[in-house]
Protein backbone atom coordinates (compact mmCIF):
# COMPACT_ATOMS: atom_id res chain seq x y z
CA UNK A 1 32.62 -17.45 8.13
CA UNK A 2 35.28 -14.81 8.71
CA UNK A 3 38.93 -15.47 9.45
CA UNK A 4 38.50 -14.46 13.09
CA UNK A 5 35.53 -16.80 13.58
CA UNK A 6 37.45 -19.66 12.01
CA UNK A 7 40.44 -19.10 14.31
CA UNK A 8 38.15 -19.00 17.35
CA UNK A 9 36.47 -22.25 16.28
CA UNK A 10 39.84 -23.97 15.84
CA UNK A 11 40.98 -22.81 19.29
CA UNK A 12 37.72 -24.00 20.84
CA UNK A 13 38.07 -27.40 19.16
CA UNK A 14 41.65 -27.76 20.44
CA UNK A 15 40.46 -27.03 23.98
CA UNK A 16 37.70 -29.61 23.72
CA UNK A 17 40.08 -32.25 22.41
CA UNK A 18 42.60 -31.49 25.14
CA UNK A 19 39.93 -31.85 27.83
CA UNK A 20 38.90 -35.17 26.25
CA UNK A 21 42.46 -36.44 26.70
CA UNK A 22 42.36 -35.69 30.42
CA UNK A 23 39.68 -38.19 31.28
CA UNK A 24 39.39 -41.01 33.81
CA UNK A 25 41.59 -43.26 31.66
CA UNK A 26 44.50 -40.83 32.11
CA UNK A 27 43.88 -40.94 35.86
CA UNK A 28 44.06 -44.74 35.68
CA UNK A 29 47.27 -44.39 33.67
CA UNK A 30 48.72 -42.29 36.48
CA UNK A 31 47.83 -44.91 39.08
CA UNK A 32 49.27 -47.74 36.96
CA UNK A 33 52.43 -45.75 36.27
CA UNK A 34 52.80 -44.95 39.98
CA UNK A 35 52.40 -48.62 40.89
CA UNK A 36 55.01 -49.69 38.32
CA UNK A 37 57.45 -47.02 39.49
CA UNK A 38 57.09 -48.08 43.12
CA UNK A 39 58.00 -51.64 42.11
CA UNK A 40 60.93 -50.40 40.02
CA UNK A 41 62.32 -48.01 42.64
CA UNK A 42 61.93 -50.60 45.40
CA UNK A 43 64.53 -52.70 43.56
CA UNK A 44 67.09 -49.98 44.31
CA UNK A 45 65.87 -48.19 47.44
CA UNK A 46 63.25 -48.17 50.17
CA UNK A 47 60.65 -45.75 48.81
CA UNK A 48 58.83 -43.81 51.51
CA UNK A 49 56.76 -41.55 49.28
CA UNK A 50 56.19 -41.39 45.53
CA UNK A 51 54.15 -38.87 43.60
CA UNK A 52 53.40 -38.95 39.89
CA UNK A 53 51.81 -35.94 38.19
CA UNK A 54 50.49 -36.21 34.63
CA UNK A 55 49.46 -33.05 32.81
CA UNK A 56 48.48 -32.22 29.24
CA UNK A 57 49.09 -28.88 27.56
CA UNK A 58 46.82 -27.21 24.98
CA UNK A 59 48.43 -29.21 22.17
CA UNK A 60 47.86 -32.54 23.91
CA UNK A 61 51.53 -32.98 24.89
CA UNK A 62 51.83 -35.10 28.01
CA UNK A 63 54.13 -34.00 30.86
CA UNK A 64 55.03 -36.50 33.57
CA UNK A 65 56.74 -35.48 36.80
CA UNK A 66 57.98 -38.10 39.27
CA UNK A 67 59.10 -37.33 42.80
CA UNK A 68 60.41 -40.12 45.03
CA UNK A 69 61.57 -39.92 48.65
CA UNK A 70 63.87 -42.58 50.08
CA UNK A 71 66.04 -42.70 53.18
CA UNK A 72 67.94 -45.88 52.30
CA UNK A 73 69.57 -47.26 49.15
CA UNK A 74 69.95 -51.00 48.83
CA UNK A 75 73.40 -52.60 48.99
CA UNK A 76 74.67 -53.76 45.60
CA UNK A 77 78.13 -54.95 46.66
CA UNK A 78 76.91 -58.54 46.23
CA UNK A 79 76.41 -57.91 42.52
CA UNK A 80 79.93 -56.59 41.93
């Protein structure tokens, strides 16, 4: 097996493993994370819309982006 063939095989294996990581369980993770974040953010504000994006790069590194929309923060003067 030549050096070029070996490098191609390693790259192919990395792609397969990365695709394996993005499976239905990661989709469930996104839904669970979104649910938990809604509960968390609702302690501080009235959340109108929340999106959670989970992506994996070629090395299996996970990137999470959260975007929340709120038009009203809760009053914390009682706590002070």
